[in-house]
PDB file of N, CA and C in Angstrom:
ATOM      1  N   MET A   1     118.462  86.190 109.923  1.00  0.00           N
ATOM      2  CA  MET A   1     117.698  85.147 108.776  1.00  0.00           C
ATOM      3  C   MET A   1     116.011  85.477 109.922  1.00  0.00           C
ATOM      4  N   ALA A   2     115.489  85.370 109.388  1.00  0.00           N
ATOM      5  CA  ALA A   2     113.921  85.642 109.574  1.00  0.00           C
ATOM      6  C   ALA A   2     113.489  84.213 110.277  1.00  0.00           C
ATOM      7  N   THR A   3     113.730  83.801 111.229  1.00  0.00           N
ATOM      8  CA  THR A   3     113.649  82.418 111.427  1.00  0.00           C
ATOM      9  C   THR A   3     112.883  82.234 113.059  1.00  0.00           C
ATOM     10  N   TYR A   4     112.384  81.563 113.916  1.00  0.00           N
ATOM     11  CA  TYR A   4     111.677  81.549 114.889  1.00  0.00           C
ATOM     12  C   TYR A   4     112.321  80.563 115.355  1.00  0.00           C
ATOM     13  N   PHE A   5     113.400  79.216 115.197  1.00  0.00           N
ATOM     14  CA  PHE A   5     113.737  77.995 115.869  1.00  0.00           C
ATOM     15  C   PHE A   5     115.386  78.186 115.341  1.00  0.00           C
ATOM     16  N   LEU A   6     116.148  77.896 116.413  1.00  0.00           N
ATOM     17  CA  LEU A   6     117.833  77.059 115.596  1.00  0.00           C
ATOM     18  C   LEU A   6     118.155  76.042 116.319  1.00  0.00           C
ATOM     19  N   ARG A   7     119.125  75.556 115.841  1.00  0.00           N
ATOM     20  CA  ARG A   7     119.148  74.034 116.019  1.00  0.00           C
ATOM     21  C   ARG A   7     120.116  74.367 117.249  1.00  0.00           C
ATOM     22  N   ALA A   8     119.909  73.359 118.176  1.00  0.00           N
ATOM     23  CA  ALA A   8     121.348  73.779 119.796  1.00  0.00           C
ATOM     24  C   ALA A   8     121.818  72.132 119.964  1.00  0.00           C
ATOM     25  N   THR A   9     122.732  71.854 120.462  1.00  0.00           N
ATOM     26  CA  THR A   9     123.327  70.835 120.792  1.00  0.00           C
ATOM     27  C   THR A   9     123.594  70.629 122.181  1.00  0.00           C
ATOM     28  N   ASP A  10     123.128  69.321 123.198  1.00  0.00           N
ATOM     29  CA  ASP A  10     123.236  68.988 124.261  1.00  0.00           C
ATOM     30  C   ASP A  10     125.038  68.420 123.877  1.00  0.00           C
ATOM     31  N   THR A  11     125.665  69.231 124.670  1.00  0.00           N
ATOM     32  CA  THR A  11     127.068  68.211 124.221  1.00  0.00           C
ATOM     33  C   THR A  11     127.252  67.404 125.559  1.00  0.00           C
ATOM     34  N   ASP A  12     126.629  67.390 126.363  1.00  0.00           N
ATOM     35  CA  ASP A  12     126.645  65.987 127.641  1.00  0.00           C
ATOM     36  C   ASP A  12     126.241  64.942 126.532  1.00  0.00           C
ATOM     37  N   ALA A  13     125.358  65.126 125.470  1.00  0.00           N
ATOM     38  CA  ALA A  13     124.634  63.587 125.332  1.00  0.00           C
ATOM     39  C   ALA A  13     125.418  63.464 123.958  1.00  0.00           C
ATOM     40  N   CYS A  14     126.150  64.432 123.059  1.00  0.00           N
ATOM     41  CA  CYS A  14     126.396  64.200 122.030  1.00  0.00           C
ATOM     42  C   CYS A  14     127.863  62.986 121.671  1.00  0.00           C
ATOM     43  N   GLU A  15     127.246  62.365 120.917  1.00  0.00           N
ATOM     44  CA  GLU A  15     128.615  61.262 120.585  1.00  0.00           C
ATOM     45  C   GLU A  15     129.517  61.950 119.641  1.00  0.00           C
ATOM     46  N   GLY A  16     129.112  62.703 118.765  1.00  0.00           N
ATOM     47  CA  GLY A  16     130.338  63.237 118.176  1.00  0.00           C
ATOM     48  C   GLY A  16     130.538  62.650 116.572  1.00  0.00           C
ATOM     49  N   CYS A  17     129.334  61.741 116.501  1.00  0.00           N
ATOM     50  CA  CYS A  17     129.335  61.511 115.396  1.00  0.00           C
ATOM     51  C   CYS A  17     129.352  61.544 114.297  1.00  0.00           C
ATOM     52  N   GLY A  18     128.478  62.956 114.169  1.00  0.00           N
ATOM     53  CA  GLY A  18     128.781  63.720 112.875  1.00  0.00           C
ATOM     54  C   GLY A  18     127.899  63.658 111.551  1.00  0.00           C
ATOM     55  N   THR A  19     126.496  62.825 112.050  1.00  0.00           N
ATOM     56  CA  THR A  19     125.579  62.589 111.195  1.00  0.00           C
ATOM     57  C   THR A  19     124.470  63.953 111.011  1.00  0.00           C
ATOM     58  N   CYS A  20     124.555  65.027 111.919  1.00  0.00           N
ATOM     59  CA  CYS A  20     123.884  65.935 111.605  1.00  0.00           C
ATOM     60  C   CYS A  20     124.477  66.786 110.428  1.00  0.00           C
ATOM     61  N   VAL A  21     125.844  66.810 110.152  1.00  0.00           N
ATOM     62  CA  VAL A  21     126.736  67.323 109.622  1.00  0.00           C
ATOM     63  C   VAL A  21     126.292  67.018 108.208  1.00  0.00           C
ATOM     64  N   ASP A  22     126.054  65.603 108.181  1.00  0.00           N
ATOM     65  CA  ASP A  22     125.902  65.089 106.648  1.00  0.00           C
ATOM     66  C   ASP A  22     124.152  65.274 106.593  1.00  0.00           C
ATOM     67  N   SER A  23     123.644  65.666 107.318  1.00  0.00           N
ATOM     68  CA  SER A  23     122.184  65.841 107.130  1.00  0.00           C
ATOM     69  C   SER A  23     121.121  67.064 106.796  1.00  0.00           C
ATOM     70  N   CYS A  24     122.421  68.169 107.263  1.00  0.00           N
ATOM     71  CA  CYS A  24     122.057  69.798 107.227  1.00  0.00           C
ATOM     72  C   CYS A  24     121.719  70.057 105.231  1.00  0.00           C
ATOM     73  N   PRO A  25     120.738  70.376 105.201  1.00  0.00           N
ATOM     74  CA  PRO A  25     120.443  70.670 103.567  1.00  0.00           C
ATOM     75  C   PRO A  25     121.057  71.969 103.334  1.00  0.00           C
ATOM     76  N   LEU A  26     121.395  72.779 104.028  1.00  0.00           N
ATOM     77  CA  LEU A  26     122.774  74.079 103.717  1.00  0.00           C
ATOM     78  C   LEU A  26     123.902  73.532 104.114  1.00  0.00           C
ATOM     79  N   GLU A  27     124.194  72.637 104.538  1.00  0.00           N
ATOM     80  CA  GLU A  27     125.785  72.361 104.967  1.00  0.00           C
ATOM     81  C   GLU A  27     126.254  73.569 105.725  1.00  0.00           C
ATOM     82  N   ILE A  28     125.308  73.826 106.889  1.00  0.00           N
ATOM     83  CA  ILE A  28     126.250  74.878 107.721  1.00  0.00           C
ATOM     84  C   ILE A  28     126.605  74.300 108.913  1.00  0.00           C
ATOM     85  N   ILE A  29     126.251  73.036 109.144  1.00  0.00           N
ATOM     86  CA  ILE A  29     126.857  72.427 110.401  1.00  0.00           C
ATOM     87  C   ILE A  29     128.510  72.172 110.082  1.00  0.00           C
ATOM     88  N   THR A  30     129.294  72.426 111.254  1.00  0.00           N
ATOM     89  CA  THR A  30     130.656  71.440 110.957  1.00  0.00           C
ATOM     90  C   THR A  30     131.008  70.911 112.119  1.00  0.00           C
ATOM     91  N   MET A  31     132.448  70.180 112.433  1.00  0.00           N
ATOM     92  CA  MET A  31     132.524  69.647 113.270  1.00  0.00           C
ATOM     93  C   MET A  31     133.880  70.410 113.923  1.00  0.00           C
ATOM     94  N   LYS A  32     134.108  70.790 115.556  1.00  0.00           N
ATOM     95  CA  LYS A  32     134.922  71.631 115.703  1.00  0.00           C
ATOM     96  C   LYS A  32     135.296  70.895 117.260  1.00  0.00           C
ATOM     97  N   ASP A  33     136.563  70.390 117.863  1.00  0.00           N
ATOM     98  CA  ASP A  33     136.384  69.403 118.966  1.00  0.00           C
ATOM     99  C   ASP A  33     135.865  68.765 119.165  1.00  0.00           C
ATOM    100  N   ASP A  34     135.036  67.703 118.459  1.00  0.00           N
ATOM    101  CA  ASP A  34     134.298  66.228 118.262  1.00  0.00           C
ATOM    102  C   ASP A  34     132.967  66.909 118.214  1.00  0.00           C
ATOM    103  N   TYR A  35     132.592  68.301 118.244  1.00  0.00           N
ATOM    104  CA  TYR A  35     131.112  68.747 118.939  1.00  0.00           C
ATOM    105  C   TYR A  35     130.358  69.278 117.304  1.00  0.00           C
ATOM    106  N   PRO A  36     129.264  69.507 116.681  1.00  0.00           N
ATOM    107  CA  PRO A  36     128.747  69.981 116.134  1.00  0.00           C
ATOM    108  C   PRO A  36     128.949  71.519 115.889  1.00  0.00           C
ATOM    109  N   VAL A  37     129.128  72.330 115.440  1.00  0.00           N
ATOM    110  CA  VAL A  37     128.906  73.633 115.518  1.00  0.00           C
ATOM    111  C   VAL A  37     128.188  74.506 114.142  1.00  0.00           C
ATOM    112  N   VAL A  38     126.898  75.006 115.107  1.00  0.00           N
ATOM    113  CA  VAL A  38     125.803  75.549 113.439  1.00  0.00           C
ATOM    114  C   VAL A  38     126.058  77.127 113.445  1.00  0.00           C
ATOM    115  N   ASP A  39     126.248  77.500 112.233  1.00  0.00           N
ATOM    116  CA  ASP A  39     126.320  78.684 111.879  1.00  0.00           C
ATOM    117  C   ASP A  39     124.995  79.506 112.039  1.00  0.00           C
ATOM    118  N   GLU A  40     124.724  80.040 113.135  1.00  0.00           N
ATOM    119  CA  GLU A  40     123.626  80.498 113.705  1.00  0.00           C
ATOM    120  C   GLU A  40     123.175  81.511 112.658  1.00  0.00           C
ATOM    121  N   SER A  41     123.836  82.168 111.738  1.00  0.00           N
ATOM    122  CA  SER A  41     123.758  83.378 111.161  1.00  0.00           C
ATOM    123  C   SER A  41     122.744  82.814 109.700  1.00  0.00           C
ATOM    124  N   MET A  42     123.222  81.663 109.591  1.00  0.00           N
ATOM    125  CA  MET A  42     122.417  80.900 108.157  1.00  0.00           C
ATOM    126  C   MET A  42     121.709  80.124 108.709  1.00  0.00           C
ATOM    127  N   CYS A  43     121.236  79.446 109.805  1.00  0.00           N
ATOM    128  CA  CYS A  43     120.550  78.445 109.893  1.00  0.00           C
ATOM    129  C   CYS A  43     118.947  78.856 109.899  1.00  0.00           C
ATOM    130  N   ILE A  44     117.890  77.796 109.368  1.00  0.00           N
ATOM    131  CA  ILE A  44     116.637  78.459 108.882  1.00  0.00           C
ATOM    132  C   ILE A  44     115.503  77.838 109.739  1.00  0.00           C
ATOM    133  N   GLY A  45     116.299  76.570 110.753  1.00  0.00           N
ATOM    134  CA  GLY A  45     115.523  75.904 111.815  1.00  0.00           C
ATOM    135  C   GLY A  45     114.640  75.248 111.319  1.00  0.00           C
ATOM    136  N   CYS A  46     115.155  74.538 110.209  1.00  0.00           N
ATOM    137  CA  CYS A  46     114.210  73.500 109.530  1.00  0.00           C
ATOM    138  C   CYS A  46     113.691  72.381 110.161  1.00  0.00           C
ATOM    139  N   GLY A  47     114.908  71.844 111.165  1.00  0.00           N
ATOM    140  CA  GLY A  47     115.004  70.652 111.919  1.00  0.00           C
ATOM    141  C   GLY A  47     115.350  69.647 111.178  1.00  0.00           C
ATOM    142  N   VAL A  48     115.926  69.373 110.283  1.00  0.00           N
ATOM    143  CA  VAL A  48     116.172  68.170 109.083  1.00  0.00           C
ATOM    144  C   VAL A  48     117.394  67.736 110.032  1.00  0.00           C
ATOM    145  N   CYS A  49     117.959  68.281 110.806  1.00  0.00           N
ATOM    146  CA  CYS A  49     119.156  67.134 111.029  1.00  0.00           C
ATOM    147  C   CYS A  49     118.650  66.636 112.446  1.00  0.00           C
ATOM    148  N   ILE A  50     117.521  66.980 112.958  1.00  0.00           N
ATOM    149  CA  ILE A  50     117.385  66.423 114.135  1.00  0.00           C
ATOM    150  C   ILE A  50     117.002  64.841 114.034  1.00  0.00           C
ATOM    151  N   PRO A  51     116.106  64.585 113.406  1.00  0.00           N
ATOM    152  CA  PRO A  51     116.125  63.060 113.334  1.00  0.00           C
ATOM    153  C   PRO A  51     117.326  62.211 113.239  1.00  0.00           C
ATOM    154  N   SER A  52     118.050  62.985 112.664  1.00  0.00           N
ATOM    155  CA  SER A  52     119.646  62.027 112.469  1.00  0.00           C
ATOM    156  C   SER A  52     120.222  61.807 113.270  1.00  0.00           C
ATOM    157  N   CYS A  53     119.966  62.492 114.515  1.00  0.00           N
ATOM    158  CA  CYS A  53     120.914  62.651 115.570  1.00  0.00           C
ATOM    159  C   CYS A  53     120.286  61.085 116.626  1.00  0.00           C
ATOM    160  N   GLN A  54     121.349  59.785 116.815  1.00  0.00           N
ATOM    161  CA  GLN A  54     120.746  58.785 117.226  1.00  0.00           C
ATOM    162  C   GLN A  54     120.825  58.933 118.884  1.00  0.00           C
ATOM    163  N   SER A  55     121.651  60.362 119.222  1.00  0.00           N
ATOM    164  CA  SER A  55     121.725  60.131 120.871  1.00  0.00           C
ATOM    165  C   SER A  55     120.329  60.933 121.272  1.00  0.00           C
ATOM    166  N   GLY A  56     119.731  61.960 120.506  1.00  0.00           N
ATOM    167  CA  GLY A  56     119.058  62.819 120.929  1.00  0.00           C
ATOM    168  C   GLY A  56     119.566  64.019 121.514  1.00  0.00           C
ATOM    169  N   ALA A  57     120.730  64.257 120.829  1.00  0.00           N
ATOM    170  CA  ALA A  57     121.436  65.352 121.485  1.00  0.00           C
ATOM    171  C   ALA A  57     121.136  66.877 120.598  1.00  0.00           C
ATOM    172  N   ALA A  58     120.656  66.385 119.166  1.00  0.00           N
ATOM    173  CA  ALA A  58     120.033  67.484 118.511  1.00  0.00           C
ATOM    174  C   ALA A  58     118.793  67.962 119.130  1.00  0.00           C
ATOM    175  N   LYS A  59     118.902  69.375 119.314  1.00  0.00           N
ATOM    176  CA  LYS A  59     117.445  70.242 119.402  1.00  0.00           C
ATOM    177  C   LYS A  59     117.117  71.264 118.841  1.00  0.00           C
ATOM    178  N   LEU A  60     115.770  71.653 118.671  1.00  0.00           N
ATOM    179  CA  LEU A  60     115.090  72.812 118.146  1.00  0.00           C
ATOM    180  C   LEU A  60     114.963  73.797 119.341  1.00  0.00           C
ATOM    181  N   LYS A  61     115.654  74.937 119.141  1.00  0.00           N
ATOM    182  CA  LYS A  61     115.062  75.838 120.363  1.00  0.00           C
ATOM    183  C   LYS A  61     114.609  77.162 120.005  1.00  0.00           C
ATOM    184  N   ARG A  62     113.654  77.719 120.732  1.00  0.00           N
ATOM    185  CA  ARG A  62     113.215  78.778 120.467  1.00  0.00           C
ATOM    186  C   ARG A  62     113.830  80.140 119.860  1.00  0.00           C
ATOM    187  N   LYS A  63     114.573  80.723 118.673  1.00  0.00           N
ATOM    188  CA  LYS A  63     115.179  81.891 118.656  1.00  0.00           C
ATOM    189  C   LYS A  63     115.166  82.697 119.877  1.00  0.00           C
ATOM    190  N   GLU A  64     114.038  84.030 119.665  1.00  0.00           N
ATOM    191  CA  GLU A  64     113.722  84.993 120.501  1.00  0.00           C
ATOM    192  C   GLU A  64     112.561  84.829 121.154  1.00  0.00           C
ATOM    193  N   GLU A  65     112.358  85.231 122.138  1.00  0.00           N
ATOM    194  CA  GLU A  65     111.032  85.105 122.292  1.00  0.00           C
ATOM    195  C   GLU A  65     109.989  86.425 122.524  1.00  0.00           C
ATOM    196  N   GLY A  66     111.056  87.796 122.049  1.00  0.00           N
ATOM    197  CA  GLY A  66     110.097  88.741 121.718  1.00  0.00           C
ATOM    198  C   GLY A  66     109.690  88.509 119.831  1.00  0.00           C
ATOM    199  N   LEU A  67     110.245  87.734 119.706  1.00  0.00           N
ATOM    200  CA  LEU A  67     110.214  87.571 117.862  1.00  0.00           C
ATOM    201  C   LEU A  67     108.713  87.741 117.649  1.00  0.00           C
ATOM    202  N   VAL A  68     108.096  88.658 116.685  1.00  0.00           N
ATOM    203  CA  VAL A  68     106.656  88.647 116.272  1.00  0.00           C
ATOM    204  C   VAL A  68     106.683  87.825 114.953  1.00  0.00           C
ATOM    205  N   PRO A  69     105.789  86.825 114.764  1.00  0.00           N
ATOM    206  CA  PRO A  69     105.386  86.542 113.837  1.00  0.00           C
ATOM    207  C   PRO A  69     105.476  87.492 112.262  1.00  0.00           C
ATOM    208  N   PRO A  70     105.936  87.720 110.920  1.00  0.00           N
ATOM    209  CA  PRO A  70     105.326  88.395 109.996  1.00  0.00           C
ATOM    210  C   PRO A  70     103.785  88.319 109.898  1.00  0.00           C
ATOM    211  N   PHE A  71     103.211  89.175 109.463  1.00  0.00           N
ATOM    212  CA  PHE A  71     101.575  89.887 109.166  1.00  0.00           C
ATOM    213  C   PHE A  71     101.132  88.801 108.157  1.00  0.00           C
ATOM    214  N   ASN A  72     101.987  89.008 107.137  1.00  0.00           N
ATOM    215  CA  ASN A  72     102.049  88.636 105.792  1.00  0.00           C
ATOM    216  C   ASN A  72     103.149  88.701 104.858  1.00  0.00           C
ATOM    217  N   PHE A  73     103.225  87.800 103.913  1.00  0.00           N
ATOM    218  CA  PHE A  73     104.708  87.371 103.092  1.00  0.00           C
ATOM    219  C   PHE A  73     105.325  88.383 103.006  1.00  0.00           C
ATOM    220  N   LYS A  74     104.927  89.822 102.280  1.00  0.00           N
ATOM    221  CA  LYS A  74     105.674  91.053 101.914  1.00  0.00           C
ATOM    222  C   LYS A  74     106.129  91.493 103.304  1.00  0.00           C
ATOM    223  N   ASP A  75     105.347  91.519 104.394  1.00  0.00           N
ATOM    224  CA  ASP A  75     106.659  91.743 105.622  1.00  0.00           C
ATOM    225  C   ASP A  75     107.678  90.811 106.065  1.00  0.00           C
ATOM    226  N   LEU A  76     107.322  89.684 105.631  1.00  0.00           N
ATOM    227  CA  LEU A  76     108.242  88.680 105.794  1.00  0.00           C
ATOM    228  C   LEU A  76     109.574  88.874 104.863  1.00  0.00           C
ATOM    229  N   HIS A  77     109.042  89.383 103.649  1.00  0.00           N
ATOM    230  CA  HIS A  77     110.038  89.839 102.526  1.00  0.00           C
ATOM    231  C   HIS A  77     110.850  91.051 103.310  1.00  0.00           C
ATOM    232  N   HIS A  78     110.187  91.896 103.436  1.00  0.00           N
ATOM    233  CA  HIS A  78     111.064  92.967 104.076  1.00  0.00           C
ATOM    234  C   HIS A  78     111.923  93.061 104.842  1.00  0.00           C
ATOM    235  N   ARG A  79     111.224  92.047 106.093  1.00  0.00           N
ATOM    236  CA  ARG A  79     112.489  91.387 107.047  1.00  0.00           C
ATOM    237  C   ARG A  79     113.724  90.847 106.700  1.00  0.00           C
ATOM    238  N   LEU A  80     113.552  90.142 105.954  1.00  0.00           N
ATOM    239  CA  LEU A  80     114.620  89.291 105.467  1.00  0.00           C
ATOM    240  C   LEU A  80     115.919  90.418 104.777  1.00  0.00           C
ATOM    241  N   LEU A  81     115.013  91.236 103.927  1.00  0.00           N
ATOM    242  CA  LEU A  81     116.164  92.232 102.856  1.00  0.00           C
ATOM    243  C   LEU A  81     116.958  92.984 103.898  1.00  0.00           C
ATOM    244  N   LYS A  82     115.855  93.448 104.973  1.00  0.00           N
ATOM    245  CA  LYS A  82     116.453  94.597 106.231  1.00  0.00           C
ATOM    246  C   LYS A  82     117.628  93.734 107.066  1.00  0.00           C
ATOM    247  N   GLU A  83     117.710  92.188 107.265  1.00  0.00           N
ATOM    248  CA  GLU A  83     118.228  91.552 107.852  1.00  0.00           C
ATOM    249  C   GLU A  83     119.276  91.181 107.133  1.00  0.00           C
ATOM    250  N   THR A  84     119.159  90.985 105.913  1.00  0.00           N
ATOM    251  CA  THR A  84     120.361  90.458 105.182  1.00  0.00           C
ATOM    252  C   THR A  84     121.043  91.804 104.205  1.00  0.00           C
ATOM    253  N   TRP A  85     120.491  92.820 104.048  1.00  0.00           N
ATOM    254  CA  TRP A  85     121.077  93.676 103.557  1.00  0.00           C
ATOM    255  C   TRP A  85     121.094  95.555 104.170  1.00  0.00           C
ATOM    256  N   HIS A  86     120.589  95.055 105.223  1.00  0.00           N
ATOM    257  CA  HIS A  86     120.629  96.490 106.192  1.00  0.00           C
ATOM    258  C   HIS A  86     119.902  97.311 105.680  1.00  0.00           C
ATOM    259  N   PHE A  87     118.966  97.127 105.148  1.00  0.00           N
ATOM    260  CA  PHE A  87     118.077  98.149 104.578  1.00  0.00           C
ATOM    261  C   PHE A  87     117.166  99.069 105.945  1.00  0.00           C
TER     262      PHE A  87
END
């Protein structure tokens, strides 16, 4: 997915409450062994889950240092097609 951020979890700070699971609009966060697991291939880095985390364990991290923002919307669309459908 052409996104610049991903959700990360500080497992030392995480209380395992699962509020981030309920807040994710894409429903891609699940709980495993009392910790949230994010499907990074589907995460769009929207950050909606971040404020729901009462312990502050949910963070946004930059996906890749070398990732260049798209020049325009057409370029973004082409990247999405390429990543999704391997064109």
